[in-house]
Amino acid sequence: IWIENMNTVLDDNCTLCLPNGERIKLNPTTMRMLFEVQDLAVASPATVSRCGMVYIALEELGWRPYVQTWAGQGLAHAVPECPQALRDHIYMLFDLHVDAGLAWLALHGRQFIPAVENNLTTSLTWMVQSLLLPARGFKYGRGVVPEDQHKAAGKVFAWAYCWALGGNLPHDLRPAFDAFAREQLAPVCQYPGGNTVFDYCIDMTRGFPPDFKGWAERVPSFGYNKAAPFFEMLVPTVDTVRYSYMLELNLDVGRSVLLSGVTGVGKSVITVAALEGLRERKGVLPHTINFSAQTSAADTQFLIESKLEKKRKTRFGAPVGKRLVFFIDDVNMPARETYGAQPPVELLRQFQDQRGFYDRKKLWWKDIDDATLVAACAPPGGGRQEMTPRFTRHFTMLCVPPPSEAATKTILSAIFNGFLNDFPTDFKSVSMPIVSASVEAYTRISEELLPTPAKSHYTFNL
């Protein structure tokens, strides 16, 4: 392993001894080595004993320094129209409510792909920043009353708060988070009753300050095309609309998104359809990369580089006026190597950290501009690996729930009614009974025909 070659460098003689027998003398007075690692699980005692150790606990730094810097500098740079008083008000909302949300998640939260606390607050800042853009309808200028701006910012914060902290929770925990969020955010704004906080979006088209609007009102109608293959049909539902919106919201500010959820909930279909919708409207060029257990880092780098356009000697990126979005499907599938890392994931982490990677032949650094990652994965297990939080911390993490019984009936009835258009009208009367019977049969099969060691293939999804 390469780190063993560093042992003699860390000694007083500061000599690099390579496996081929070559010895390279380094200057011990001008050269020092600094390692920043997640843990020492696979570290050699010979290496550890040569280094001084500094342990940084999560509680020592916390989330406030990042949010203070963002509110004071990052938000001012991204949204120059945002006045100082409004930025101070937004930071006050963070200060009052984020700690309680993180404490609730630590006590009650269960996530398929765990998110660290700083990742949750970072996602919250990106969502708030995207919603504060004038292009999204947030109003600035002399004609806007500051009280209205503060009220609107409160609703923006409350909505982003629910999705950034609760968006990665499984569907069975969302009602409990809904009750907590309504109580915690009551001084900021009042959500409509009847549904959970995840069933509403911010509507800035009807006036300012904005109102909450049900996702169901944004669902477009489905047009049946008998020439299209059955498996390529996408019936719009509440889930497809809201997760497409969340993708667009984050991609507008260059934030990566990771969709998790059990197999068959439609993560890949939702993402591909959403990115295709952004192709014309936002100049997005989507490319899909499917990972498997055998995917290598070299293949991943080759696939990414093949879509880049050379701008300068060491700078690559999307064509002029476009943005590249790489959709990595089954991102947690690659097998681990000897020391526990997933090479393709580590390559993507390097891209997320440094916005580039090394040329494998000429060994010089390549900077990559105008490129964003979107990823999807199922929970670890069955060949899928746990990913390092050093990679997932770069993503806004969202959990896609299984389709409800009502959504399933909507999907099946829309396609079946379209199919029956070529038949006499009398046939339409049997549509709902057949759909209801199909859904009931699927539900009972899923609940009663559980997988066993002898019948491990008994897993059912739509």
Protein backbone atom coordinates (compact mmCIF):
# COMPACT_ATOMS: atom_id res chain seq x y z
CA ILE A 1 0.00 0.00 0.00
CA TRP A 2 1.29 3.47 -0.85
CA ILE A 3 1.22 4.77 2.71
CA GLU A 4 3.93 2.27 3.72
CA ASN A 5 6.28 4.14 1.36
CA MET A 6 5.68 7.23 3.50
CA ASN A 7 7.08 5.70 6.70
CA THR A 8 10.68 6.58 5.91
CA VAL A 9 9.58 10.06 4.79
CA LEU A 10 8.06 10.59 8.24
CA ASP A 11 11.34 9.57 9.87
CA ASP A 12 14.08 12.07 10.71
CA ASN A 13 16.11 11.12 7.63
CA CYS A 14 13.13 12.07 5.39
CA THR A 15 13.89 9.64 2.55
CA LEU A 16 11.28 8.28 0.14
CA CYS A 17 11.97 4.55 -0.46
CA LEU A 18 10.03 3.18 -3.43
CA PRO A 19 9.24 -0.53 -4.09
CA ASN A 20 11.58 -0.53 -7.12
CA GLY A 21 14.55 0.23 -4.83
CA GLU A 22 14.81 3.92 -5.71
CA ARG A 23 15.57 6.28 -2.82
CA ILE A 24 14.68 9.98 -3.01
CA LYS A 25 16.07 12.34 -0.38
CA LEU A 26 13.65 15.09 0.69
CA ASN A 27 14.39 18.27 2.63
CA PRO A 28 13.28 17.78 6.25
CA THR A 29 13.42 21.52 7.05
CA THR A 30 11.07 22.71 4.30
CA MET A 31 8.74 19.72 3.88
CA ARG A 32 6.05 18.50 6.29
CA MET A 33 3.20 16.03 5.77
CA LEU A 34 -0.37 16.59 6.94
CA PHE A 35 -2.97 13.78 6.83
CA GLU A 36 -6.69 14.41 7.23
CA VAL A 37 -8.61 11.15 7.69
CA GLN A 38 -12.01 9.95 8.85
CA ASP A 39 -10.66 7.24 11.16
CA LEU A 40 -7.68 4.93 11.74
CA ALA A 41 -9.53 1.68 11.02
CA VAL A 42 -6.98 0.45 8.48
CA ALA A 43 -4.00 2.60 9.46
CA SER A 44 -0.66 0.94 10.08
CA PRO A 45 0.77 1.32 13.62
CA ALA A 46 4.11 2.09 11.95
CA THR A 47 2.55 5.12 10.26
CA VAL A 48 0.43 6.24 13.22
CA SER A 49 3.38 6.15 15.63
CA ARG A 50 5.29 8.61 13.43
CA CYS A 51 2.54 11.25 13.42
CA GLY A 52 1.16 13.64 16.00
CA MET A 53 -2.60 13.20 16.48
CA VAL A 54 -5.27 15.90 16.71
CA TYR A 55 -8.86 14.71 17.14
CA ILE A 56 -11.58 17.17 16.15
CA ALA A 57 -14.95 16.36 17.73
CA LEU A 58 -18.15 17.33 15.94
CA GLU A 59 -19.34 19.26 18.99
CA GLU A 60 -16.23 21.46 19.01
CA LEU A 61 -17.04 23.23 15.75
CA GLY A 62 -20.76 22.71 15.18
CA TRP A 63 -22.81 24.16 12.34
CA ARG A 64 -22.84 27.85 13.31
CA PRO A 65 -19.45 28.95 11.84
CA TYR A 66 -20.47 27.72 8.38
CA VAL A 67 -23.92 29.33 8.51
CA GLN A 68 -22.47 32.62 9.83
CA THR A 69 -20.01 32.72 6.94
CA TRP A 70 -22.76 31.83 4.45
CA ALA A 71 -25.18 34.48 5.77
CA GLY A 72 -22.48 37.15 5.91
CA GLN A 73 -20.59 36.44 2.69
CA GLY A 74 -21.94 33.54 0.59
CA LEU A 75 -25.55 34.71 0.47
CA ALA A 76 -24.50 38.32 -0.16
CA HIS A 77 -22.39 37.17 -3.13
CA ALA A 78 -25.02 34.78 -4.57
CA VAL A 79 -27.98 37.15 -4.09
CA PRO A 80 -26.60 40.74 -4.10
CA GLU A 81 -30.14 42.13 -3.82
CA CYS A 82 -30.58 40.56 -0.36
CA PRO A 83 -30.15 43.36 2.23
CA GLN A 84 -28.13 42.99 5.43
CA ALA A 85 -31.22 43.18 7.65
CA LEU A 86 -32.83 40.26 5.81
CA ARG A 87 -29.65 38.18 6.05
CA ASP A 88 -29.50 38.86 9.79
CA HIS A 89 -33.15 37.80 10.12
CA ILE A 90 -32.45 34.55 8.26
CA TYR A 91 -29.49 33.74 10.51
CA MET A 92 -31.70 34.40 13.54
CA LEU A 93 -34.14 31.76 12.23
CA PHE A 94 -31.28 29.27 11.93
CA ASP A 95 -30.12 30.09 15.45
CA LEU A 96 -33.59 29.59 16.94
CA HIS A 97 -34.72 26.40 15.21
CA VAL A 98 -31.87 24.28 13.81
CA ASP A 99 -30.61 22.91 17.14
CA ALA A 100 -34.08 21.60 18.04
CA GLY A 101 -34.41 19.88 14.66
CA LEU A 102 -31.01 18.20 14.93
CA ALA A 103 -31.85 17.05 18.46
CA TRP A 104 -35.14 15.52 17.26
CA LEU A 105 -33.35 13.68 14.46
CA ALA A 106 -30.70 12.36 16.86
CA LEU A 107 -33.43 11.01 19.12
CA HIS A 108 -36.08 9.78 16.66
CA GLY A 109 -34.52 9.92 13.17
CA ARG A 110 -33.79 6.77 11.17
CA GLN A 111 -32.29 7.13 7.72
CA PHE A 112 -31.43 4.65 4.96
CA ILE A 113 -28.29 6.67 4.16
CA PRO A 114 -27.25 8.53 7.34
CA ALA A 115 -26.52 12.24 6.99
CA VAL A 116 -24.12 14.12 9.26
CA GLU A 117 -25.42 17.25 11.01
CA ASN A 118 -23.31 19.68 8.98
CA ASN A 119 -24.66 18.12 5.79
CA LEU A 120 -28.24 18.83 6.92
CA THR A 121 -27.53 22.48 7.72
CA THR A 122 -25.55 22.90 4.50
CA SER A 123 -28.48 21.53 2.50
CA LEU A 124 -30.75 23.98 4.31
CA THR A 125 -28.58 26.94 3.32
CA TRP A 126 -28.53 25.88 -0.34
CA MET A 127 -32.33 25.50 -0.45
CA VAL A 128 -32.90 28.87 1.21
CA GLN A 129 -30.42 30.50 -1.16
CA SER A 130 -32.15 29.03 -4.22
CA LEU A 131 -35.59 30.19 -3.04
CA LEU A 132 -34.29 33.72 -2.35
CA LEU A 133 -33.21 34.21 -5.98
CA PRO A 134 -35.21 36.93 -7.78
CA ALA A 135 -35.69 34.49 -10.67
CA ARG A 136 -37.86 32.36 -8.37
CA GLY A 137 -40.15 35.26 -7.52
CA PHE A 138 -38.66 36.60 -4.29
CA LYS A 139 -39.06 40.36 -4.43
CA TYR A 140 -36.53 43.05 -3.58
CA GLY A 141 -36.37 46.78 -4.15
CA ARG A 142 -37.82 49.99 -2.84
CA GLY A 143 -41.44 49.02 -3.41
CA VAL A 144 -41.22 46.00 -1.09
CA VAL A 145 -42.03 46.45 2.60
CA PRO A 146 -39.27 44.96 4.84
CA GLU A 147 -41.93 43.28 7.02
CA ASP A 148 -43.22 41.44 3.94
CA GLN A 149 -39.69 40.33 3.10
CA HIS A 150 -39.18 38.99 6.61
CA LYS A 151 -42.52 37.18 6.51
CA ALA A 152 -41.68 35.67 3.11
CA ALA A 153 -38.20 34.65 4.32
CA GLY A 154 -39.84 32.94 7.31
CA LYS A 155 -42.01 30.83 5.01
CA VAL A 156 -39.03 30.06 2.78
CA PHE A 157 -36.99 28.99 5.81
CA ALA A 158 -39.82 26.87 7.23
CA TRP A 159 -40.37 25.03 3.95
CA ALA A 160 -36.63 24.44 3.38
CA TYR A 161 -36.24 23.41 7.04
CA CYS A 162 -38.78 20.59 6.65
CA TRP A 163 -37.18 19.25 3.48
CA ALA A 164 -33.52 19.65 4.47
CA LEU A 165 -33.93 18.00 7.88
CA GLY A 166 -36.88 15.68 7.22
CA GLY A 167 -36.54 14.94 3.51
CA ASN A 168 -34.18 12.01 4.15
CA LEU A 169 -36.52 10.27 6.62
CA PRO A 170 -38.38 7.09 5.60
CA HIS A 171 -42.08 7.59 4.87
CA ASP A 172 -43.21 5.98 8.15
CA LEU A 173 -41.37 8.63 10.22
CA ARG A 174 -42.67 11.65 8.34
CA PRO A 175 -45.97 12.00 10.29
CA ALA A 176 -43.97 12.25 13.54
CA PHE A 177 -41.62 14.83 12.01
CA ASP A 178 -44.68 16.70 10.70
CA ALA A 179 -46.03 17.07 14.24
CA PHE A 180 -42.65 18.25 15.53
CA ALA A 181 -42.10 20.72 12.66
CA ARG A 182 -45.55 22.32 13.00
CA GLU A 183 -44.97 22.93 16.70
CA GLN A 184 -41.37 24.10 16.30
CA LEU A 185 -42.11 26.46 13.39
CA ALA A 186 -45.40 27.85 14.76
CA PRO A 187 -43.80 31.25 15.64
CA VAL A 188 -42.46 31.54 12.06
CA CYS A 189 -45.49 30.54 9.96
CA GLN A 190 -48.57 28.37 9.98
CA TYR A 191 -48.80 25.39 7.61
CA PRO A 192 -52.28 24.48 6.26
CA GLY A 193 -53.94 21.54 7.99
CA GLY A 194 -55.14 18.25 6.54
CA ASN A 195 -51.83 16.94 5.19
CA THR A 196 -48.20 16.78 6.28
CA VAL A 197 -45.71 19.59 5.74
CA PHE A 198 -44.23 17.55 2.88
CA ASP A 199 -47.47 17.89 0.89
CA TYR A 200 -47.05 21.64 0.32
CA CYS A 201 -44.79 23.81 -1.79
CA ILE A 202 -44.11 27.55 -1.80
CA ASP A 203 -46.09 29.41 -4.47
CA MET A 204 -44.58 32.80 -5.32
CA THR A 205 -46.77 33.33 -8.40
CA ARG A 206 -49.94 34.36 -6.56
CA GLY A 207 -48.54 37.23 -4.55
CA PHE A 208 -45.91 38.32 -2.06
CA PRO A 209 -45.43 37.18 0.69
CA PRO A 210 -45.97 33.73 -0.87
CA ASP A 211 -48.52 31.14 0.19
CA PHE A 212 -48.31 27.39 0.66
CA LYS A 213 -49.86 25.39 -2.14
CA GLY A 214 -50.56 21.66 -2.32
CA TRP A 215 -48.34 19.61 -4.61
CA ALA A 216 -51.50 17.95 -5.96
CA GLU A 217 -52.42 21.25 -7.66
CA ARG A 218 -49.20 21.14 -9.70
CA VAL A 219 -49.67 17.62 -11.09
CA PRO A 220 -50.10 17.83 -14.90
CA SER A 221 -52.53 15.63 -16.82
CA PHE A 222 -51.33 12.40 -18.42
CA GLY A 223 -51.54 11.95 -22.19
CA TYR A 224 -51.65 8.32 -23.28
CA ASN A 225 -49.55 7.46 -26.33
CA LYS A 226 -50.24 3.96 -27.62
CA ALA A 227 -47.04 4.00 -29.68
CA ALA A 228 -44.87 4.44 -26.57
CA PRO A 229 -43.54 1.29 -24.86
CA PHE A 230 -45.32 0.52 -21.60
CA PHE A 231 -42.16 0.72 -19.49
CA GLU A 232 -41.33 4.20 -20.83
CA MET A 233 -44.64 5.73 -19.75
CA LEU A 234 -44.43 8.11 -16.81
CA VAL A 235 -47.73 9.03 -15.19
CA PRO A 236 -47.31 12.31 -13.25
CA THR A 237 -48.06 11.92 -9.54
CA VAL A 238 -47.46 14.05 -6.46
CA ASP A 239 -44.12 12.28 -5.89
CA THR A 240 -42.84 12.82 -9.44
CA VAL A 241 -43.78 16.52 -9.27
CA ARG A 242 -42.24 17.29 -5.89
CA TYR A 243 -38.99 15.39 -6.39
CA SER A 244 -38.57 16.92 -9.85
CA TYR A 245 -39.02 20.32 -8.21
CA MET A 246 -36.46 19.47 -5.52
CA LEU A 247 -33.95 18.44 -8.19
CA GLU A 248 -34.44 21.68 -10.10
CA LEU A 249 -34.27 23.77 -6.92
CA ASN A 250 -30.87 22.32 -5.96
CA LEU A 251 -29.40 22.20 -9.46
CA ASP A 252 -30.17 25.90 -9.92
CA VAL A 253 -27.47 26.65 -7.33
CA GLY A 254 -25.14 23.81 -8.37
CA ARG A 255 -25.95 21.57 -5.40
CA SER A 256 -25.70 17.79 -5.87
CA VAL A 257 -28.69 15.59 -4.95
CA LEU A 258 -28.80 11.99 -3.68
CA LEU A 259 -32.10 10.10 -3.88
CA SER A 260 -32.43 7.03 -1.67
CA GLY A 261 -35.28 4.59 -1.14
CA VAL A 262 -36.14 0.92 -1.45
CA THR A 263 -35.99 -0.80 -4.81
CA GLY A 264 -38.83 -0.02 -7.18
CA VAL A 265 -40.05 3.35 -5.87
CA GLY A 266 -39.09 5.11 -9.12
CA LYS A 267 -35.87 6.97 -8.21
CA SER A 268 -34.26 6.49 -11.61
CA VAL A 269 -37.44 7.18 -13.59
CA ILE A 270 -38.16 10.40 -11.67
CA THR A 271 -34.59 11.64 -12.06
CA VAL A 272 -34.25 10.87 -15.78
CA ALA A 273 -37.63 12.48 -16.55
CA ALA A 274 -36.80 15.56 -14.44
CA LEU A 275 -33.40 16.06 -16.10
CA GLU A 276 -34.92 15.68 -19.57
CA GLY A 277 -37.44 18.36 -18.64
CA LEU A 278 -34.56 20.69 -17.70
CA ARG A 279 -32.72 20.08 -20.97
CA GLU A 280 -34.65 22.74 -22.89
CA ARG A 281 -35.72 25.04 -20.05
CA LYS A 282 -32.41 25.35 -18.19
CA GLY A 283 -29.76 24.24 -20.72
CA VAL A 284 -28.96 21.03 -18.82
CA LEU A 285 -27.11 18.19 -20.58
CA PRO A 286 -27.89 15.00 -18.62
CA HIS A 287 -25.78 11.85 -18.86
CA THR A 288 -26.55 8.61 -17.02
CA ILE A 289 -23.83 6.34 -15.61
CA ASN A 290 -24.92 2.99 -14.16
CA PHE A 291 -22.71 1.55 -11.45
CA SER A 292 -22.32 -2.15 -10.73
CA ALA A 293 -20.19 -4.25 -8.40
CA GLN A 294 -17.47 -4.41 -11.09
CA THR A 295 -17.33 -0.70 -11.95
CA SER A 296 -13.79 0.65 -11.70
CA ALA A 297 -12.51 4.16 -11.04
CA ALA A 298 -10.77 4.23 -14.42
CA ASP A 299 -14.00 3.41 -16.29
CA THR A 300 -15.87 6.07 -14.31
CA GLN A 301 -13.26 8.72 -15.10
CA PHE A 302 -13.27 7.75 -18.79
CA LEU A 303 -17.07 8.05 -18.99
CA ILE A 304 -17.05 11.47 -17.35
CA GLU A 305 -14.14 12.79 -19.43
CA SER A 306 -15.76 11.63 -22.67
CA LYS A 307 -18.60 14.12 -22.09
CA LEU A 308 -16.37 17.11 -21.29
CA GLU A 309 -15.28 19.83 -23.66
CA LYS A 310 -11.74 21.20 -23.49
CA LYS A 311 -11.65 24.93 -22.71
CA ARG A 312 -8.00 25.53 -21.86
CA LYS A 313 -4.97 23.33 -21.36
CA THR A 314 -6.00 22.02 -17.94
CA ARG A 315 -9.63 23.18 -17.79
CA PHE A 316 -12.60 21.18 -19.03
CA GLY A 317 -16.36 21.58 -18.75
CA ALA A 318 -19.72 21.79 -20.46
CA PRO A 319 -20.29 23.50 -23.83
CA VAL A 320 -20.82 27.26 -23.68
CA GLY A 321 -24.16 28.17 -22.12
CA LYS A 322 -24.84 24.60 -20.92
CA ARG A 323 -24.52 22.65 -17.67
CA LEU A 324 -23.54 19.00 -17.42
CA VAL A 325 -25.42 16.82 -14.95
CA PHE A 326 -24.11 13.28 -14.41
CA PHE A 327 -26.74 10.95 -12.99
CA ILE A 328 -24.99 8.10 -11.14
CA ASP A 329 -27.48 5.25 -10.71
CA ASP A 330 -26.84 2.63 -7.98
CA VAL A 331 -23.94 4.71 -6.71
CA ASN A 332 -23.33 2.40 -3.72
CA MET A 333 -22.94 -0.80 -5.81
CA PRO A 334 -19.14 -0.84 -6.48
CA ALA A 335 -17.31 -3.50 -4.48
CA ARG A 336 -14.90 -2.50 -1.75
CA GLU A 337 -11.17 -2.95 -2.19
CA THR A 338 -8.85 -4.50 0.43
CA TYR A 339 -8.83 -1.52 2.77
CA GLY A 340 -12.56 -0.78 2.66
CA ALA A 341 -12.76 2.01 0.08
CA GLN A 342 -14.89 2.04 -3.09
CA PRO A 343 -12.55 3.39 -5.81
CA PRO A 344 -15.29 4.83 -8.11
CA VAL A 345 -16.95 6.56 -5.14
CA GLU A 346 -13.60 7.94 -3.98
CA LEU A 347 -13.02 9.35 -7.48
CA LEU A 348 -16.40 11.09 -7.35
CA ARG A 349 -15.58 12.35 -3.86
CA GLN A 350 -12.36 13.85 -5.19
CA PHE A 351 -14.39 15.57 -7.91
CA GLN A 352 -16.84 16.91 -5.32
CA ASP A 353 -14.03 18.09 -3.03
CA GLN A 354 -11.61 19.57 -5.57
CA ARG A 355 -13.78 20.01 -8.71
CA GLY A 356 -11.51 17.88 -10.85
CA PHE A 357 -9.15 14.91 -10.98
CA TYR A 358 -5.75 13.86 -12.32
CA ASP A 359 -4.94 12.82 -15.87
CA ARG A 360 -3.96 9.16 -15.53
CA LYS A 361 -1.29 9.27 -18.25
CA LYS A 362 0.30 12.71 -18.02
CA LEU A 363 -0.26 13.06 -14.25
CA TRP A 364 -1.42 16.67 -14.31
CA TRP A 365 -4.54 18.09 -12.70
CA LYS A 366 -7.74 18.70 -14.67
CA ASP A 367 -10.19 21.34 -13.46
CA ILE A 368 -13.84 20.70 -14.35
CA ASP A 369 -16.41 23.49 -14.59
CA ASP A 370 -20.21 23.54 -14.97
CA ALA A 371 -20.72 19.91 -13.93
CA THR A 372 -22.95 18.59 -11.13
CA LEU A 373 -23.65 15.10 -9.80
CA VAL A 374 -27.05 13.57 -9.12
CA ALA A 375 -27.07 10.08 -7.60
CA ALA A 376 -29.56 7.39 -6.61
CA CYS A 377 -29.18 4.30 -4.47
CA ALA A 378 -31.09 1.74 -2.45
CA PRO A 379 -30.31 1.03 1.23
CA PRO A 380 -27.10 -0.93 1.97
CA GLY A 381 -27.40 -4.71 1.84
CA GLY A 382 -27.72 -7.35 -0.85
CA GLY A 383 -24.50 -6.32 -2.59
CA ARG A 384 -24.90 -2.61 -1.91
CA GLN A 385 -22.26 -1.02 0.30
CA GLU A 386 -22.33 1.66 2.96
CA MET A 387 -20.84 4.84 1.53
CA THR A 388 -18.39 7.05 3.35
CA PRO A 389 -19.98 10.21 4.84
CA ARG A 390 -17.06 12.13 3.34
CA PHE A 391 -18.79 11.53 -0.01
CA THR A 392 -22.47 11.83 0.95
CA ARG A 393 -21.90 15.12 2.81
CA HIS A 394 -21.75 16.89 -0.57
CA PHE A 395 -25.36 15.97 -1.41
CA THR A 396 -28.81 17.16 -0.50
CA MET A 397 -30.21 13.80 0.58
CA LEU A 398 -33.85 12.89 -0.10
CA CYS A 399 -35.71 9.64 0.54
CA VAL A 400 -38.32 8.68 -2.08
CA PRO A 401 -41.28 6.88 -0.44
CA PRO A 402 -43.05 3.88 -1.97
CA PRO A 403 -46.13 4.91 -3.99
CA SER A 404 -49.28 5.07 -1.89
CA GLU A 405 -52.34 3.02 -2.77
CA ALA A 406 -54.00 6.14 -4.22
CA ALA A 407 -50.93 6.91 -6.35
CA THR A 408 -50.76 3.32 -7.57
CA LYS A 409 -54.42 3.45 -8.63
CA THR A 410 -53.80 6.77 -10.37
CA ILE A 411 -50.90 5.32 -12.36
CA LEU A 412 -52.67 2.12 -13.38
CA SER A 413 -56.03 3.75 -14.16
CA ALA A 414 -54.40 6.46 -16.32
CA ILE A 415 -52.63 3.89 -18.50
CA PHE A 416 -55.55 1.43 -18.57
CA ASN A 417 -58.10 4.13 -19.48
CA GLY A 418 -55.82 5.28 -22.28
CA PHE A 419 -55.60 1.70 -23.54
CA LEU A 420 -59.41 1.39 -23.49
CA ASN A 421 -59.88 4.45 -25.72
CA ASP A 422 -59.80 2.17 -28.79
CA PHE A 423 -62.62 0.03 -27.36
CA PRO A 424 -66.36 0.73 -27.09
CA THR A 425 -67.30 3.09 -24.26
CA ASP A 426 -68.98 0.24 -22.37
CA PHE A 427 -65.54 -1.13 -21.51
CA LYS A 428 -64.68 2.01 -19.50
CA SER A 429 -67.03 0.90 -16.73
CA VAL A 430 -64.76 -2.06 -15.89
CA SER A 431 -61.64 0.09 -15.58
CA MET A 432 -61.82 0.96 -11.87
CA PRO A 433 -62.91 -2.52 -10.68
CA ILE A 434 -59.97 -4.11 -12.55
CA VAL A 435 -57.50 -1.51 -11.25
CA SER A 436 -58.78 -1.84 -7.66
CA ALA A 437 -58.59 -5.64 -7.82
CA SER A 438 -55.05 -5.46 -9.22
CA VAL A 439 -53.87 -3.10 -6.49
CA GLU A 440 -55.47 -5.21 -3.77
CA ALA A 441 -53.87 -8.37 -5.16
CA TYR A 442 -50.46 -6.64 -5.31
CA THR A 443 -50.84 -5.35 -1.74
CA ARG A 444 -51.79 -8.76 -0.33
CA ILE A 445 -49.03 -10.53 -2.25
CA SER A 446 -46.44 -8.02 -0.95
CA GLU A 447 -47.64 -8.46 2.64
CA GLU A 448 -48.18 -12.24 2.72
CA LEU A 449 -45.69 -13.75 0.26
CA LEU A 450 -42.60 -12.68 2.12
CA PRO A 451 -39.13 -13.79 0.98
CA THR A 452 -37.65 -16.85 2.66
CA PRO A 453 -34.25 -18.54 2.26
CA ALA A 454 -35.85 -21.04 -0.12
CA LYS A 455 -37.78 -18.33 -2.02
CA SER A 456 -35.51 -15.30 -1.83
CA HIS A 457 -36.92 -13.98 -5.12
CA TYR A 458 -40.25 -13.13 -3.44
CA THR A 459 -39.72 -9.36 -3.59
CA PHE A 460 -42.43 -7.37 -5.33
CA ASN A 461 -42.52 -3.75 -6.50
CA LEU A 462 -44.13 -1.68 -9.20
